N, C-alpha and C. Protein backbone atom coordinates (compact mmCIF):
# COMPACT_ATOMS: atom_id res chain seq x y z
N GLN A 1 0.73 -1.20 -0.04
CA GLN A 1 0.02 -0.09 0.02
C GLN A 1 0.85 1.23 -0.06
N VAL A 2 0.46 2.17 -0.79
CA VAL A 2 1.15 3.53 -0.78
C VAL A 2 0.27 4.53 -0.07
N GLN A 3 1.01 5.33 0.89
CA GLN A 3 0.45 6.40 1.36
C GLN A 3 1.56 7.62 1.40
N LEU A 4 1.10 8.54 0.82
CA LEU A 4 2.06 9.71 0.52
C LEU A 4 1.52 10.94 1.42
N VAL A 5 2.74 11.43 2.21
CA VAL A 5 2.49 12.52 3.19
C VAL A 5 3.41 13.63 2.83
N GLU A 6 2.91 14.72 2.41
CA GLU A 6 3.75 15.98 2.28
C GLU A 6 4.04 16.63 3.54
N SER A 7 5.14 17.46 3.34
CA SER A 7 5.33 18.30 4.49
C SER A 7 6.19 19.67 4.09
N GLY A 8 6.40 20.50 4.90
CA GLY A 8 7.37 21.52 4.43
C GLY A 8 6.84 22.85 3.99
N GLY A 9 5.43 22.87 3.61
CA GLY A 9 4.82 23.98 3.20
C GLY A 9 4.80 25.20 4.40
N GLY A 10 4.33 26.35 3.99
CA GLY A 10 4.11 27.36 4.96
C GLY A 10 4.05 28.61 4.42
N LEU A 11 4.18 29.69 5.04
CA LEU A 11 4.00 31.20 4.60
C LEU A 11 5.56 31.56 4.46
N VAL A 12 5.94 32.07 3.37
CA VAL A 12 7.20 32.64 3.02
C VAL A 12 7.05 33.97 2.30
N GLN A 13 7.98 34.80 2.40
CA GLN A 13 8.17 36.15 1.68
C GLN A 13 8.70 35.76 0.36
N ALA A 14 8.26 36.56 -0.59
CA ALA A 14 8.77 36.42 -1.90
C ALA A 14 10.36 36.62 -1.88
N GLY A 15 10.90 35.73 -2.72
CA GLY A 15 12.44 35.81 -2.59
C GLY A 15 13.08 34.69 -1.92
N GLY A 16 12.15 34.05 -0.86
CA GLY A 16 12.79 33.08 -0.07
C GLY A 16 12.70 31.73 -0.80
N SER A 17 12.93 30.68 0.11
CA SER A 17 13.13 29.32 -0.30
C SER A 17 12.21 28.34 0.56
N LEU A 18 12.09 27.31 0.04
CA LEU A 18 11.40 26.18 0.75
C LEU A 18 11.69 24.84 0.13
N THR A 19 11.73 23.85 1.03
CA THR A 19 12.06 22.40 0.50
C THR A 19 10.83 21.62 0.95
N LEU A 20 10.13 21.09 -0.05
CA LEU A 20 8.90 20.28 0.39
C LEU A 20 9.34 18.88 0.31
N SER A 21 8.68 18.06 1.19
CA SER A 21 9.12 16.55 1.26
C SER A 21 7.89 15.76 1.20
N CYS A 22 8.01 14.62 0.58
CA CYS A 22 6.95 13.65 0.54
C CYS A 22 7.46 12.16 0.91
N VAL A 23 6.92 11.68 1.91
CA VAL A 23 7.24 10.35 2.39
C VAL A 23 6.23 9.32 2.26
N ASN A 24 6.58 8.12 1.72
CA ASN A 24 5.75 7.01 1.53
C ASN A 24 5.79 6.25 3.06
N SER A 25 4.78 6.52 3.62
CA SER A 25 4.78 5.96 5.05
C SER A 25 4.45 4.53 5.12
N LYS A 26 4.15 3.78 4.00
CA LYS A 26 3.73 2.42 3.99
C LYS A 26 4.54 1.49 3.57
N ARG A 27 5.21 1.70 2.44
CA ARG A 27 6.26 0.93 1.72
C ARG A 27 7.25 1.69 0.92
N THR A 28 8.40 1.10 0.53
CA THR A 28 9.52 1.66 -0.24
C THR A 28 8.73 2.04 -1.54
N PHE A 29 9.03 3.07 -2.19
CA PHE A 29 8.64 3.61 -3.38
C PHE A 29 9.63 3.70 -4.41
N SER A 30 10.84 2.82 -4.24
CA SER A 30 12.05 2.95 -5.13
C SER A 30 11.63 2.43 -6.44
N ASP A 31 10.53 1.74 -6.49
CA ASP A 31 10.13 1.28 -7.98
C ASP A 31 9.08 2.14 -8.78
N TYR A 32 8.77 3.16 -8.17
CA TYR A 32 7.93 4.15 -8.58
C TYR A 32 8.51 5.52 -9.08
N ASN A 33 7.85 5.84 -10.46
CA ASN A 33 8.25 7.30 -10.62
C ASN A 33 7.40 8.20 -9.86
N MET A 34 8.18 9.37 -9.47
CA MET A 34 7.43 10.16 -8.51
C MET A 34 7.34 11.54 -9.09
N GLY A 35 6.41 12.40 -8.63
CA GLY A 35 6.11 13.59 -9.18
C GLY A 35 5.52 14.67 -8.26
N TRP A 36 5.65 15.86 -8.61
CA TRP A 36 4.84 17.01 -7.69
C TRP A 36 4.03 17.79 -8.75
N PHE A 37 2.93 17.99 -8.23
CA PHE A 37 2.07 18.90 -8.79
C PHE A 37 1.58 20.12 -7.78
N ARG A 38 0.89 21.03 -8.53
CA ARG A 38 0.54 22.09 -7.60
C ARG A 38 -0.89 22.69 -8.07
N GLN A 39 -1.71 23.21 -7.22
CA GLN A 39 -2.95 23.81 -7.66
C GLN A 39 -3.30 24.90 -6.87
N ALA A 40 -3.45 26.16 -7.64
CA ALA A 40 -3.63 27.23 -7.07
C ALA A 40 -5.14 27.59 -7.05
N PRO A 41 -5.62 28.29 -6.14
CA PRO A 41 -7.06 28.65 -6.00
C PRO A 41 -7.72 29.11 -7.42
N GLY A 42 -8.70 28.25 -7.69
CA GLY A 42 -9.54 28.46 -8.99
C GLY A 42 -8.89 28.03 -10.25
N LYS A 43 -7.66 27.25 -10.05
CA LYS A 43 -7.04 26.72 -11.24
C LYS A 43 -6.87 25.28 -11.38
N GLU A 44 -6.62 24.69 -12.54
CA GLU A 44 -6.17 23.36 -12.75
C GLU A 44 -5.02 23.03 -11.87
N ARG A 45 -5.06 21.61 -11.63
CA ARG A 45 -3.78 21.20 -10.99
C ARG A 45 -2.56 21.10 -12.11
N GLU A 46 -1.52 21.43 -11.76
CA GLU A 46 -0.42 21.76 -12.78
C GLU A 46 0.85 20.88 -12.34
N PHE A 47 1.28 20.40 -13.34
CA PHE A 47 2.59 19.45 -13.25
C PHE A 47 3.65 20.40 -13.01
N VAL A 48 4.52 20.05 -11.91
CA VAL A 48 5.69 20.77 -11.81
C VAL A 48 6.81 19.91 -12.05
N ALA A 49 7.23 18.80 -11.37
CA ALA A 49 8.16 18.06 -11.73
C ALA A 49 8.03 16.49 -11.59
N ALA A 50 8.99 15.79 -12.02
CA ALA A 50 8.95 14.36 -11.74
C ALA A 50 10.53 13.78 -11.76
N VAL A 51 10.63 12.68 -11.11
CA VAL A 51 11.87 12.09 -11.09
C VAL A 51 11.54 10.63 -11.28
N LYS A 52 12.41 10.13 -12.06
CA LYS A 52 12.30 8.65 -12.59
C LYS A 52 12.57 7.75 -11.32
N TRP A 53 12.09 6.52 -11.39
CA TRP A 53 12.21 5.52 -10.16
C TRP A 53 13.65 5.44 -9.85
N SER A 54 14.54 5.34 -11.00
CA SER A 54 16.05 5.04 -10.79
C SER A 54 16.69 6.37 -10.16
N GLY A 55 16.12 7.48 -10.35
CA GLY A 55 16.90 8.69 -10.02
C GLY A 55 17.68 9.34 -11.06
N SER A 56 17.63 8.52 -12.18
CA SER A 56 18.55 8.88 -13.36
C SER A 56 18.06 10.07 -14.21
N SER A 57 16.83 10.23 -14.19
CA SER A 57 16.28 11.37 -14.95
C SER A 57 15.23 12.18 -14.08
N THR A 58 15.12 13.60 -14.44
CA THR A 58 14.12 14.44 -14.03
C THR A 58 13.55 14.97 -15.16
N PHE A 59 12.21 15.56 -14.94
CA PHE A 59 11.54 16.42 -15.92
C PHE A 59 10.63 17.34 -15.34
N TYR A 60 10.65 18.48 -15.85
CA TYR A 60 9.91 19.60 -15.24
C TYR A 60 9.06 20.16 -16.20
N GLY A 61 7.94 20.90 -15.56
CA GLY A 61 6.86 21.48 -16.39
C GLY A 61 7.38 22.56 -17.19
N GLU A 62 6.62 22.90 -18.09
CA GLU A 62 6.93 24.14 -19.03
C GLU A 62 7.01 25.37 -18.36
N SER A 63 6.18 25.43 -17.46
CA SER A 63 6.03 26.85 -16.70
C SER A 63 6.91 27.01 -15.62
N ILE A 64 7.68 25.93 -15.29
CA ILE A 64 8.81 26.01 -14.14
C ILE A 64 10.00 26.68 -14.81
N LYS A 65 10.64 27.57 -14.14
CA LYS A 65 11.50 28.42 -14.62
C LYS A 65 12.72 28.27 -14.15
N GLY A 66 13.21 26.96 -13.73
CA GLY A 66 14.64 26.57 -13.21
C GLY A 66 14.80 27.02 -11.80
N ARG A 67 13.64 27.32 -10.99
CA ARG A 67 13.76 27.57 -9.65
C ARG A 67 13.49 26.36 -8.81
N PHE A 68 13.08 25.37 -9.53
CA PHE A 68 12.55 24.03 -8.69
C PHE A 68 13.50 23.02 -9.01
N THR A 69 13.97 22.29 -8.10
CA THR A 69 14.73 21.02 -7.95
C THR A 69 13.95 19.94 -7.44
N ILE A 70 13.80 18.88 -8.10
CA ILE A 70 13.22 17.58 -7.57
C ILE A 70 14.40 16.52 -7.25
N SER A 71 14.20 15.68 -6.16
CA SER A 71 15.25 14.94 -5.94
C SER A 71 14.67 13.69 -5.05
N ARG A 72 15.21 12.59 -5.00
CA ARG A 72 14.76 11.44 -4.29
C ARG A 72 15.82 10.83 -3.36
N ALA A 73 15.37 10.35 -2.31
CA ALA A 73 16.34 9.57 -1.30
C ALA A 73 15.63 8.36 -0.93
N ASP A 74 15.72 7.13 -1.85
CA ASP A 74 15.01 5.99 -1.58
C ASP A 74 15.17 5.41 -0.26
N ALA A 75 16.38 5.65 0.28
CA ALA A 75 16.76 4.98 1.70
C ALA A 75 15.83 5.59 2.66
N LYS A 76 15.23 6.71 2.36
CA LYS A 76 14.41 7.31 3.29
C LYS A 76 12.84 7.42 2.93
N ASN A 77 12.63 6.76 1.79
CA ASN A 77 11.40 6.76 1.17
C ASN A 77 10.86 8.22 1.01
N THR A 78 11.64 9.00 0.48
CA THR A 78 11.39 10.43 0.39
C THR A 78 11.74 11.02 -0.76
N ILE A 79 10.91 11.83 -1.45
CA ILE A 79 11.37 12.90 -2.55
C ILE A 79 11.35 14.21 -1.91
N SER A 80 11.91 15.12 -2.62
CA SER A 80 11.93 16.41 -2.15
C SER A 80 11.71 17.48 -3.35
N LEU A 81 11.20 18.56 -3.17
CA LEU A 81 11.20 19.75 -4.08
C LEU A 81 11.72 20.95 -3.54
N GLN A 82 12.72 21.23 -3.98
CA GLN A 82 13.36 22.70 -3.49
C GLN A 82 12.95 23.89 -4.37
N ILE A 83 12.48 24.79 -3.84
CA ILE A 83 11.91 25.94 -4.55
C ILE A 83 12.63 27.17 -4.19
N ASN A 84 13.33 27.79 -5.04
CA ASN A 84 14.04 29.03 -4.95
C ASN A 84 13.66 30.19 -5.33
N SER A 85 13.67 31.40 -4.76
CA SER A 85 13.27 32.55 -5.34
C SER A 85 11.67 32.64 -5.60
N LEU A 86 11.18 32.32 -4.45
CA LEU A 86 9.81 32.11 -4.61
C LEU A 86 8.85 33.45 -4.98
N GLU A 87 8.05 33.16 -5.61
CA GLU A 87 7.04 34.35 -6.23
C GLU A 87 5.76 34.21 -5.69
N PRO A 88 4.92 35.14 -5.57
CA PRO A 88 3.57 35.21 -5.10
C PRO A 88 2.78 34.12 -6.12
N GLU A 89 3.24 34.04 -7.35
CA GLU A 89 2.58 33.16 -8.26
C GLU A 89 2.70 31.72 -7.93
N ASP A 90 3.66 31.45 -7.10
CA ASP A 90 4.03 30.06 -6.63
C ASP A 90 2.94 29.65 -5.66
N THR A 91 2.08 30.52 -5.11
CA THR A 91 1.23 30.23 -3.96
C THR A 91 0.18 29.22 -4.56
N ALA A 92 0.15 27.96 -3.82
CA ALA A 92 -0.65 26.83 -4.14
C ALA A 92 -0.77 25.71 -3.19
N VAL A 93 -1.57 24.89 -3.28
CA VAL A 93 -1.34 23.44 -2.65
C VAL A 93 -0.43 22.76 -3.42
N TYR A 94 0.57 22.04 -2.91
CA TYR A 94 1.65 21.18 -3.62
C TYR A 94 1.39 19.82 -3.23
N TYR A 95 1.01 18.94 -4.23
CA TYR A 95 0.79 17.43 -4.10
C TYR A 95 1.93 16.70 -4.71
N CYS A 96 2.19 15.68 -3.85
CA CYS A 96 3.14 14.50 -4.24
C CYS A 96 2.34 13.52 -4.84
N ALA A 97 2.85 12.93 -5.80
CA ALA A 97 2.20 11.92 -6.65
C ALA A 97 3.11 10.73 -6.98
N ALA A 98 2.53 9.48 -7.12
CA ALA A 98 3.40 8.29 -7.42
C ALA A 98 2.84 7.42 -8.42
N ASP A 99 3.64 6.81 -9.09
CA ASP A 99 3.25 5.71 -10.10
C ASP A 99 2.75 6.13 -11.30
N ALA A 100 3.37 6.77 -12.39
CA ALA A 100 3.01 6.95 -13.52
C ALA A 100 3.93 6.53 -14.43
N PRO A 101 3.71 6.23 -15.74
CA PRO A 101 4.71 5.87 -16.82
C PRO A 101 5.59 7.12 -17.04
N TRP A 102 6.97 6.65 -17.35
CA TRP A 102 7.94 7.74 -17.72
C TRP A 102 7.70 8.19 -19.15
N THR A 103 6.78 8.81 -19.41
CA THR A 103 6.50 9.42 -20.65
C THR A 103 6.03 10.75 -20.72
N GLN A 104 6.93 11.62 -21.23
CA GLN A 104 6.79 13.08 -21.12
C GLN A 104 5.49 13.55 -21.65
N VAL A 105 4.94 13.14 -22.52
CA VAL A 105 3.70 13.44 -23.13
C VAL A 105 2.47 13.40 -22.13
N THR A 106 2.51 12.36 -21.42
CA THR A 106 1.35 12.16 -20.37
C THR A 106 1.71 12.22 -18.99
N MET A 107 2.80 12.38 -18.36
CA MET A 107 3.19 12.45 -17.08
C MET A 107 2.75 13.84 -16.49
N THR A 108 2.51 14.74 -17.40
CA THR A 108 1.94 16.06 -16.95
C THR A 108 0.42 16.07 -16.70
N ILE A 109 -0.20 14.93 -16.91
CA ILE A 109 -1.68 14.94 -16.83
C ILE A 109 -1.81 14.28 -15.43
N PRO A 110 -2.59 14.91 -14.63
CA PRO A 110 -2.98 14.35 -13.22
C PRO A 110 -3.58 13.06 -13.24
N ARG A 111 -4.45 12.74 -14.03
CA ARG A 111 -5.19 11.36 -13.90
C ARG A 111 -4.43 10.07 -14.37
N VAL A 112 -3.14 10.52 -14.73
CA VAL A 112 -2.28 9.50 -15.30
C VAL A 112 -1.58 8.76 -13.84
N TRP A 113 -1.36 9.67 -12.99
CA TRP A 113 -0.77 9.23 -11.56
C TRP A 113 -1.71 8.50 -10.74
N ARG A 114 -1.17 7.35 -10.12
CA ARG A 114 -1.99 6.44 -9.42
C ARG A 114 -2.30 7.00 -8.12
N TYR A 115 -1.27 7.39 -7.26
CA TYR A 115 -1.37 7.64 -5.87
C TYR A 115 -0.99 9.17 -5.60
N TRP A 116 -1.69 9.63 -4.73
CA TRP A 116 -1.65 11.11 -4.38
C TRP A 116 -1.63 11.37 -2.84
N GLY A 117 -0.94 12.34 -2.39
CA GLY A 117 -0.93 12.80 -1.00
C GLY A 117 -2.12 13.79 -0.71
N GLN A 118 -2.13 14.41 0.34
CA GLN A 118 -3.18 15.34 0.69
C GLN A 118 -2.87 16.68 0.27
N GLY A 119 -1.47 16.86 0.21
CA GLY A 119 -1.10 18.27 -0.28
C GLY A 119 -0.43 19.00 0.95
N THR A 120 0.36 20.03 0.54
CA THR A 120 0.87 20.98 1.67
C THR A 120 0.89 22.36 1.01
N GLN A 121 0.35 23.19 1.86
CA GLN A 121 -0.02 24.68 1.30
C GLN A 121 1.23 25.50 1.25
N VAL A 122 1.54 26.05 0.10
CA VAL A 122 2.61 27.16 0.23
C VAL A 122 2.03 28.44 -0.06
N THR A 123 2.35 29.35 0.67
CA THR A 123 1.79 30.86 0.55
C THR A 123 2.96 31.61 0.44
N VAL A 124 3.12 32.51 -0.58
CA VAL A 124 4.30 33.53 -0.95
C VAL A 124 3.61 34.91 -0.61
N SER A 125 4.05 35.64 0.18
CA SER A 125 3.61 36.97 0.33
C SER A 125 4.67 37.90 -0.42
N SER A 126 4.02 38.98 -0.85
CA SER A 126 4.68 39.95 -1.57
C SER A 126 5.38 41.17 -0.79
């Protein structure tokens, strides 16, 4: 069973940094491709980044401007998302996702992912 739990969100000033974490509390997820999405109020869920099960590849959404870094630590059943130079437009609920094919065309689509966390709120003040 897969249970994803995000943490690390909060209120931060523009220009600051945050590191979000996602832990699989039920079993190891070293076999799964993992990803992050975000959803701002009134907007659709947006793909942020993904990391391949092996850790050998990463992929970022088109709107992500190089301020985001995804990484994984399988020994800790954890993936992380580091966000630098935060902007008010980054305000959203950030969701961790697991288990989708490593296909760039489809991995940006939320319904392709099998497992989801409950999300962690990131609020950036100007």
